Amino acid sequence: MDSPRGRIYLMNAAVEGRTRIDERYVQHFDACLGCVSCVTACPSGVQYGPLIESTRAQIEREYQRPPLDRLFRAALLSVVPYPRRMRVALLPLLLLGSLIRKLVARTPRSVTPGTVPRQAGDTLFNRVRAAIAVSPPVTWQGLFATTAERTPAAGVERMNVAVLTGCVQRISFADVNEATVRVLVAEGCSVAAPRAQGCCGALALHAGYREQARTLARHNIAVFDTADVDRVVVNAAGCGSAMKEYGQLFAGDGEWANRAAAFSAKVRDVSEVLAELGEPRAARHAIRARLVYHDACHLAHGQGIRTQPRALLQAIPGIELVTPAEPELCCGSAGIYNMVQPEPAAQLGARKVHNIAALTPDLIATANPGCTLQIAAAARDLGYNWPVFHPVQLIDASIRGVDPRTER
């Protein structure tokens, strides 16, 4: 019942009233990563993603979770998608980060690959510990970083775009947003970054908080509608996947269905936009490094984007691009999965890191903030300290003629 086919059987059984949505039923869906690799593998093309999202929404409506489980999930979803609340929540890590991380390091997560994980027995302490272990980097500069609302193209304009600055991304990965803007500008794009935008709703959607996701999505659709751009550029795989599905999220909603579908039609990953622009305008300088590229699930499986990031990275002189074993395997991040299911997430992270380590890389690249945090945390657990970048950061460094490692 933990296979995609088994879960679809359970979905049908619940719809037809042949089973109850009880603890045993819920555990099968809580154990699912939602990585949608089954969509890639399925010869019939069954779209499992919307099915698991709808089922999780049904669970959150109809199932009464144990109090501590309910509290932990509600706390995450009431803070993470809201940058102002995130700033407050991250202040302790900023002020006492080294002490907190040392305490966490004394009780390491389970990282032994090959054993059967405990999927439903994680305590609140284990979840909090996991949340701290994979928490994003925090600096004063990043905590209050802003992206310019309008940046003109370098030279003749080739495209007019807007960028999603995100929630976690704008606070903990502001450097990725800045690199995205610089690369797009260098390649001839005028770039808007509306100040009023917020979270895209991906975390809430993937966790089953569907109405929260719809509220966040409505806000962003309205904000970006006023930008009047050719493309809405996204540099986080999970966000892009969710935003491309807004049409499904609002299906049947007379007021928003058409607006959502029109908005989704403009959404592109940054690698898609750079590929669409064609021949690079800005010269690339060498970065001499052996680079492992990790396919974020919601980029490779959710959006079918695999070749564009690799082509862009291979175009950087000096880069030796290598792919680890089991490239289709999820790293264990999966939205909030690594915090609500820390043991199996940690084991997936360890398995991913062992595969990466076999290639003795200098750098890691991946196109999703959750993957960045998960791989970095799993690597620390196993004694590795690789710098993990978004591909656009490496392109930006190549255009500027700097080694990205010197800026860390």
Protein backbone atom coordinates (compact mmCIF):
# COMPACT_ATOMS: atom_id res chain seq x y z
CA MET A 1 0.00 0.00 0.00
CA ASP A 2 3.04 2.28 0.07
CA SER A 3 3.49 1.94 -3.69
CA PRO A 4 1.89 4.53 -6.00
CA ARG A 5 -0.56 1.87 -7.26
CA GLY A 6 -1.43 0.90 -3.69
CA ARG A 7 -2.04 4.50 -2.71
CA ILE A 8 -4.28 5.09 -5.73
CA TYR A 9 -6.24 1.98 -4.70
CA LEU A 10 -6.65 3.50 -1.23
CA MET A 11 -7.77 6.83 -2.72
CA ASN A 12 -10.50 5.03 -4.67
CA ALA A 13 -11.49 3.00 -1.62
CA ALA A 14 -11.96 6.19 0.43
CA VAL A 15 -13.99 7.87 -2.32
CA GLU A 16 -16.22 4.80 -2.63
CA GLY A 17 -16.60 4.45 1.14
CA ARG A 18 -14.81 1.09 1.34
CA THR A 19 -12.29 2.34 3.88
CA ARG A 20 -12.14 4.97 6.60
CA ILE A 21 -9.68 7.84 6.74
CA ASP A 22 -8.12 6.66 9.98
CA GLU A 23 -4.57 6.55 11.36
CA ARG A 24 -3.57 3.52 9.31
CA TYR A 25 -4.89 5.09 6.10
CA VAL A 26 -3.17 8.42 6.80
CA GLN A 27 0.21 6.80 7.48
CA HIS A 28 0.40 5.51 3.90
CA PHE A 29 0.06 9.06 2.55
CA ASP A 30 2.28 10.69 5.19
CA ALA A 31 5.01 8.26 4.15
CA CYS A 32 4.81 9.42 0.52
CA LEU A 33 7.49 11.91 -0.52
CA GLY A 34 5.31 13.48 -3.18
CA CYS A 35 8.41 13.45 -5.40
CA VAL A 36 6.25 12.35 -8.39
CA SER A 37 9.04 10.13 -9.75
CA CYS A 38 6.22 7.62 -10.26
CA VAL A 39 4.85 9.96 -12.95
CA THR A 40 8.14 9.67 -14.85
CA ALA A 41 8.11 5.88 -14.45
CA CYS A 42 4.44 5.28 -15.25
CA PRO A 43 3.95 3.88 -18.79
CA SER A 44 0.30 5.01 -18.73
CA GLY A 45 1.09 8.62 -17.83
CA VAL A 46 -1.04 8.68 -14.67
CA GLN A 47 -0.73 12.16 -13.11
CA TYR A 48 -0.15 11.17 -9.49
CA GLY A 49 0.80 14.68 -8.31
CA PRO A 50 -2.72 16.20 -8.29
CA LEU A 51 -4.05 12.96 -6.78
CA ILE A 52 -1.73 13.01 -3.77
CA GLU A 53 -2.30 16.75 -3.26
CA SER A 54 -6.10 16.29 -3.29
CA THR A 55 -5.87 13.30 -0.95
CA ARG A 56 -3.69 15.17 1.52
CA ALA A 57 -6.16 18.06 1.46
CA GLN A 58 -8.95 15.57 2.21
CA ILE A 59 -6.93 14.15 5.09
CA GLU A 60 -6.36 17.58 6.63
CA ARG A 61 -10.10 18.33 6.37
CA GLU A 62 -11.42 15.03 7.72
CA TYR A 63 -8.76 13.46 9.93
CA GLN A 64 -8.02 14.65 13.46
CA ARG A 65 -4.26 14.32 13.87
CA PRO A 66 -2.75 13.76 17.33
CA PRO A 67 -2.31 17.12 19.13
CA LEU A 68 1.48 17.40 18.86
CA ASP A 69 1.48 16.36 15.20
CA ARG A 70 -1.25 18.90 14.44
CA LEU A 71 0.60 21.61 16.37
CA PHE A 72 3.92 21.00 14.62
CA ARG A 73 2.41 21.05 11.13
CA ALA A 74 0.31 24.11 11.88
CA ALA A 75 3.35 25.94 13.29
CA LEU A 76 5.38 25.23 10.15
CA LEU A 77 2.63 26.32 7.78
CA SER A 78 1.79 29.42 9.80
CA VAL A 79 5.40 30.66 9.73
CA VAL A 80 7.41 29.42 6.73
CA PRO A 81 5.26 30.86 3.90
CA TYR A 82 5.28 34.34 5.46
CA PRO A 83 8.61 36.23 5.24
CA ARG A 84 7.89 38.61 8.14
CA ARG A 85 7.09 35.73 10.47
CA MET A 86 10.09 33.82 9.15
CA ARG A 87 12.38 36.70 10.07
CA VAL A 88 11.14 36.59 13.66
CA ALA A 89 11.38 32.79 13.83
CA LEU A 90 14.94 32.78 12.48
CA LEU A 91 16.27 35.43 14.90
CA PRO A 92 17.26 32.81 17.54
CA LEU A 93 19.33 31.00 14.90
CA LEU A 94 20.96 34.28 13.95
CA LEU A 95 21.80 35.18 17.56
CA LEU A 96 22.49 31.70 18.98
CA GLY A 97 22.97 29.65 15.84
CA SER A 98 26.33 28.09 16.67
CA LEU A 99 25.19 27.02 20.14
CA ILE A 100 21.89 25.59 18.87
CA ARG A 101 23.59 23.68 16.05
CA LYS A 102 26.19 22.25 18.48
CA LEU A 103 23.39 20.92 20.67
CA VAL A 104 21.73 19.37 17.62
CA ALA A 105 25.03 17.86 16.49
CA ARG A 106 25.31 15.99 19.81
CA THR A 107 22.17 14.06 18.92
CA PRO A 108 22.71 13.28 15.21
CA ARG A 109 19.91 12.15 12.98
CA SER A 110 19.60 8.51 11.88
CA VAL A 111 21.68 8.32 8.71
CA THR A 112 22.42 4.61 8.28
CA PRO A 113 21.48 3.70 4.70
CA GLY A 114 19.86 0.38 3.89
CA THR A 115 17.78 -0.04 7.05
CA VAL A 116 13.99 0.16 7.28
CA PRO A 117 12.99 3.62 8.56
CA ARG A 118 10.37 4.25 11.21
CA GLN A 119 7.79 6.23 9.28
CA ALA A 120 5.21 7.01 11.92
CA GLY A 121 7.12 6.94 15.19
CA ASP A 122 9.02 10.23 15.06
CA THR A 123 8.73 12.21 18.28
CA LEU A 124 8.23 15.96 18.49
CA PHE A 125 11.83 16.26 19.71
CA ASN A 126 13.11 14.43 16.61
CA ARG A 127 11.08 16.73 14.40
CA VAL A 128 12.36 19.90 16.06
CA ARG A 129 15.91 18.55 15.90
CA ALA A 130 15.46 17.78 12.20
CA ALA A 131 14.01 21.22 11.54
CA ILE A 132 17.06 22.85 13.12
CA ALA A 133 19.45 20.50 11.31
CA VAL A 134 18.05 21.47 7.90
CA SER A 135 17.31 25.10 8.78
CA PRO A 136 18.51 27.65 6.22
CA PRO A 137 21.58 29.83 6.66
CA VAL A 138 20.79 33.11 8.39
CA THR A 139 22.69 36.43 8.18
CA TRP A 140 21.66 39.97 9.04
CA GLN A 141 22.11 40.93 5.40
CA GLY A 142 20.02 38.05 4.12
CA LEU A 143 17.33 38.50 6.74
CA PHE A 144 16.48 41.94 5.42
CA ALA A 145 17.56 41.60 1.78
CA THR A 146 15.40 43.12 -0.95
CA THR A 147 15.48 42.73 -4.71
CA ALA A 148 15.20 45.83 -6.89
CA GLU A 149 11.66 46.20 -8.22
CA ARG A 150 12.85 46.99 -11.74
CA THR A 151 16.20 46.31 -13.42
CA PRO A 152 16.66 47.24 -17.09
CA ALA A 153 18.23 44.86 -19.59
CA ALA A 154 21.89 45.19 -20.54
CA GLY A 155 21.85 46.33 -24.16
CA VAL A 156 18.89 45.69 -26.43
CA GLU A 157 15.98 44.10 -24.58
CA ARG A 158 15.25 40.51 -25.65
CA MET A 159 12.51 39.72 -23.12
CA ASN A 160 10.51 41.40 -20.37
CA VAL A 161 10.21 39.17 -17.30
CA ALA A 162 9.27 39.15 -13.63
CA VAL A 163 10.93 36.99 -10.98
CA LEU A 164 9.43 35.21 -8.00
CA THR A 165 11.48 36.14 -4.93
CA GLY A 166 9.70 33.56 -2.78
CA CYS A 167 9.46 33.13 0.99
CA VAL A 168 12.41 31.04 2.24
CA GLN A 169 14.27 32.00 -0.94
CA ARG A 170 14.17 35.75 -0.34
CA ILE A 171 15.42 35.45 3.26
CA SER A 172 17.91 32.60 3.22
CA PHE A 173 18.84 32.47 -0.47
CA ALA A 174 18.76 36.13 -1.42
CA ASP A 175 22.07 35.55 -3.21
CA VAL A 176 20.28 33.14 -5.57
CA ASN A 177 17.68 35.80 -6.36
CA GLU A 178 20.38 38.40 -6.99
CA ALA A 179 22.30 36.00 -9.24
CA THR A 180 19.09 35.25 -11.14
CA VAL A 181 18.47 38.94 -11.80
CA ARG A 182 22.09 39.59 -12.85
CA VAL A 183 22.12 36.67 -15.30
CA LEU A 184 18.78 37.61 -16.84
CA VAL A 185 19.85 41.24 -17.19
CA ALA A 186 23.18 40.24 -18.74
CA GLU A 187 21.30 38.08 -21.25
CA GLY A 188 19.04 40.97 -22.32
CA CYS A 189 16.01 40.72 -20.03
CA SER A 190 14.31 43.59 -18.27
CA VAL A 191 13.48 42.21 -14.84
CA ALA A 192 10.63 43.14 -12.49
CA ALA A 193 10.48 41.91 -8.89
CA PRO A 194 7.18 43.20 -7.49
CA ARG A 195 7.65 44.14 -3.83
CA ALA A 196 4.08 43.12 -2.95
CA GLN A 197 4.50 39.47 -3.97
CA GLY A 198 4.51 36.68 -1.39
CA CYS A 199 4.80 32.91 -1.08
CA CYS A 200 3.54 30.95 -4.09
CA GLY A 201 1.71 28.43 -1.88
CA ALA A 202 3.75 25.37 -2.86
CA LEU A 203 4.55 24.22 0.68
CA ALA A 204 0.93 24.52 1.77
CA LEU A 205 -0.33 22.78 -1.38
CA HIS A 206 2.05 19.83 -1.05
CA ALA A 207 1.22 19.49 2.68
CA GLY A 208 -2.54 19.37 2.10
CA TYR A 209 -3.37 22.92 3.22
CA ARG A 210 -5.22 23.61 0.00
CA GLU A 211 -7.23 26.69 0.98
CA GLN A 212 -4.10 28.37 2.33
CA ALA A 213 -2.36 27.58 -0.97
CA ARG A 214 -5.27 29.10 -2.90
CA THR A 215 -5.17 32.28 -0.82
CA LEU A 216 -1.43 32.71 -1.38
CA ALA A 217 -1.79 31.91 -5.09
CA ARG A 218 -4.60 34.46 -5.58
CA HIS A 219 -2.43 37.17 -4.07
CA ASN A 220 0.51 36.43 -6.33
CA ILE A 221 -1.61 36.11 -9.47
CA ALA A 222 -3.09 39.55 -8.77
CA VAL A 223 0.35 41.06 -8.09
CA PHE A 224 2.03 39.62 -11.18
CA ASP A 225 -0.94 40.46 -13.41
CA THR A 226 -0.07 44.13 -12.91
CA ALA A 227 3.53 43.55 -14.00
CA ASP A 228 2.57 42.95 -17.68
CA VAL A 229 5.52 40.68 -18.55
CA ASP A 230 6.30 37.96 -21.10
CA ARG A 231 7.44 35.40 -18.53
CA VAL A 232 7.29 34.83 -14.78
CA VAL A 233 10.68 33.37 -13.89
CA VAL A 234 11.11 30.96 -10.98
CA ASN A 235 14.40 29.71 -9.51
CA ALA A 236 12.95 27.17 -7.03
CA ALA A 237 11.76 23.84 -8.46
CA GLY A 238 8.93 23.27 -6.00
CA CYS A 239 7.59 26.78 -6.51
CA GLY A 240 7.70 26.50 -10.29
CA SER A 241 5.93 23.16 -10.26
CA ALA A 242 3.11 24.51 -8.07
CA MET A 243 2.75 27.72 -10.08
CA LYS A 244 2.47 25.79 -13.34
CA GLU A 245 -0.46 23.91 -11.75
CA TYR A 246 -2.47 26.95 -10.70
CA GLY A 247 -4.95 26.16 -13.45
CA GLN A 248 -5.71 22.84 -11.71
CA LEU A 249 -5.74 24.47 -8.28
CA PHE A 250 -8.53 26.80 -9.39
CA ALA A 251 -10.36 24.42 -11.74
CA GLY A 252 -14.08 25.09 -11.51
CA ASP A 253 -13.59 28.47 -9.82
CA GLY A 254 -15.49 30.79 -12.11
CA GLU A 255 -13.70 33.95 -10.98
CA TRP A 256 -10.14 32.64 -10.90
CA ALA A 257 -9.88 29.65 -13.25
CA ASN A 258 -9.05 31.65 -16.39
CA ARG A 259 -6.75 34.07 -14.58
CA ALA A 260 -4.86 31.17 -12.97
CA ALA A 261 -4.49 29.30 -16.27
CA ALA A 262 -3.25 32.45 -18.06
CA PHE A 263 -0.76 33.09 -15.27
CA SER A 264 0.53 29.49 -15.29
CA ALA A 265 1.10 29.74 -19.05
CA LYS A 266 3.72 32.44 -18.38
CA VAL A 267 5.62 30.56 -15.65
CA ARG A 268 9.09 29.27 -16.58
CA ASP A 269 12.06 27.95 -14.65
CA VAL A 270 15.08 30.22 -15.06
CA SER A 271 16.87 27.47 -17.00
CA GLU A 272 13.96 27.33 -19.45
CA VAL A 273 14.12 31.08 -20.05
CA LEU A 274 17.88 31.06 -20.62
CA ALA A 275 17.48 28.16 -23.06
CA GLU A 276 14.63 29.99 -24.79
CA LEU A 277 16.81 33.07 -25.27
CA GLY A 278 19.22 30.98 -27.33
CA GLU A 279 22.85 31.92 -27.92
CA PRO A 280 24.29 33.51 -24.76
CA ARG A 281 24.98 37.21 -25.04
CA ALA A 282 27.30 37.47 -22.03
CA ALA A 283 30.73 35.81 -22.22
CA ARG A 284 31.46 32.93 -19.84
CA HIS A 285 34.76 32.66 -17.97
CA ALA A 286 36.27 29.44 -16.69
CA ILE A 287 35.39 27.81 -13.38
CA ARG A 288 37.71 24.85 -12.94
CA ALA A 289 35.76 22.33 -10.90
CA ARG A 290 34.28 18.85 -10.87
CA LEU A 291 30.56 19.49 -10.47
CA VAL A 292 27.77 17.12 -9.43
CA TYR A 293 24.31 18.21 -10.57
CA HIS A 294 21.40 16.90 -8.51
CA ASP A 295 17.99 16.79 -10.20
CA ALA A 296 15.41 18.36 -7.91
CA CYS A 297 12.31 16.14 -8.07
CA HIS A 298 9.87 18.92 -8.86
CA LEU A 299 12.12 20.12 -11.67
CA ALA A 300 12.90 16.74 -13.27
CA HIS A 301 9.70 14.82 -12.51
CA GLY A 302 7.24 17.63 -11.84
CA GLN A 303 8.23 19.87 -14.76
CA GLY A 304 10.20 17.52 -17.02
CA ILE A 305 13.22 19.83 -17.00
CA ARG A 306 16.48 17.87 -17.15
CA THR A 307 18.52 18.92 -20.18
CA GLN A 308 18.37 22.72 -19.84
CA PRO A 309 20.25 23.05 -16.52
CA ARG A 310 22.89 20.55 -17.65
CA ALA A 311 23.40 22.33 -20.98
CA LEU A 312 23.80 25.68 -19.23
CA LEU A 313 26.32 24.25 -16.75
CA GLN A 314 28.28 22.43 -19.46
CA ALA A 315 28.58 25.72 -21.34
CA ILE A 316 30.75 27.09 -18.52
CA PRO A 317 34.43 26.59 -19.49
CA GLY A 318 36.35 24.39 -17.08
CA ILE A 319 33.31 22.63 -15.59
CA GLU A 320 33.44 18.83 -15.53
CA LEU A 321 29.80 17.87 -15.07
CA VAL A 322 29.12 14.45 -13.53
CA THR A 323 25.90 12.71 -12.51
CA PRO A 324 25.67 10.50 -9.41
CA ALA A 325 24.20 7.02 -9.29
CA GLU A 326 20.43 6.87 -8.79
CA PRO A 327 19.93 10.40 -10.14
CA GLU A 328 16.12 9.98 -10.07
CA LEU A 329 16.18 9.30 -6.30
CA CYS A 330 14.75 12.00 -4.03
CA CYS A 331 17.18 13.53 -1.52
CA GLY A 332 14.50 13.40 1.20
CA SER A 333 13.65 17.10 1.40
CA ALA A 334 10.22 16.97 -0.31
CA GLY A 335 8.62 20.13 1.05
CA ILE A 336 8.17 19.63 4.80
CA TYR A 337 8.78 15.86 4.60
CA ASN A 338 12.27 16.05 6.13
CA MET A 339 10.75 17.72 9.19
CA VAL A 340 7.61 15.61 9.66
CA GLN A 341 9.26 12.31 8.62
CA PRO A 342 12.88 12.94 9.73
CA GLU A 343 14.12 9.34 9.90
CA PRO A 344 13.34 8.19 6.35
CA ALA A 345 14.34 11.66 5.09
CA ALA A 346 17.72 11.39 6.80
CA GLN A 347 18.30 7.95 5.31
CA LEU A 348 17.44 9.19 1.83
CA GLY A 349 19.80 12.12 2.36
CA ALA A 350 22.59 9.76 3.42
CA ARG A 351 22.02 7.56 0.38
CA LYS A 352 22.17 10.61 -1.89
CA VAL A 353 25.37 11.85 -0.23
CA HIS A 354 27.07 8.45 -0.50
CA ASN A 355 26.32 8.45 -4.24
CA ILE A 356 27.68 11.99 -4.60
CA ALA A 357 30.79 11.26 -2.55
CA ALA A 358 31.71 8.40 -4.87
CA LEU A 359 32.40 11.02 -7.56
CA THR A 360 34.74 13.16 -5.37
CA PRO A 361 33.17 16.48 -6.42
CA ASP A 362 34.39 20.02 -5.82
CA LEU A 363 30.93 21.58 -6.07
CA ILE A 364 27.28 20.53 -5.95
CA ALA A 365 24.50 22.22 -7.92
CA THR A 366 20.76 21.84 -7.50
CA ALA A 367 17.80 24.03 -8.40
CA ASN A 368 15.68 23.91 -5.24
CA PRO A 369 16.28 25.45 -1.80
CA GLY A 370 14.93 22.39 0.03
CA CYS A 371 17.37 20.12 -1.82
CA THR A 372 20.22 22.53 -1.07
CA LEU A 373 19.49 22.41 2.67
CA GLN A 374 18.86 18.66 2.78
CA ILE A 375 22.01 17.69 0.88
CA ALA A 376 24.16 20.11 2.90
CA ALA A 377 22.77 18.74 6.19
CA ALA A 378 23.21 15.10 5.13
CA ALA A 379 26.75 15.86 3.96
CA ARG A 380 27.63 17.45 7.33
CA ASP A 381 26.28 14.36 9.12
CA LEU A 382 28.69 12.22 7.11
CA GLY A 383 31.70 14.53 7.39
CA TYR A 384 31.59 16.30 4.03
CA ASN A 385 31.58 20.05 3.51
CA TRP A 386 30.80 20.61 -0.15
CA PRO A 387 29.60 24.03 -1.27
CA VAL A 388 26.10 23.68 -2.73
CA PHE A 389 25.00 26.20 -5.36
CA HIS A 390 22.02 26.92 -7.54
CA PRO A 391 23.03 26.51 -11.21
CA VAL A 392 22.25 30.17 -11.86
CA GLN A 393 24.83 31.17 -9.24
CA LEU A 394 27.52 29.32 -11.18
CA ILE A 395 26.42 30.94 -14.44
CA ASP A 396 26.50 34.33 -12.72
CA ALA A 397 29.99 33.69 -11.33
CA SER A 398 31.17 32.60 -14.77
CA ILE A 399 29.81 35.79 -16.36
CA ARG A 400 31.46 37.94 -13.69
CA GLY A 401 34.73 36.00 -13.96
CA VAL A 402 34.94 34.94 -10.31
CA ASP A 403 35.29 31.59 -8.56
CA PRO A 404 32.01 31.09 -6.62
CA ARG A 405 33.88 29.37 -3.80
CA THR A 406 35.71 32.58 -2.93
CA GLU A 407 32.41 34.35 -2.25
CA ARG A 408 31.24 31.86 0.39
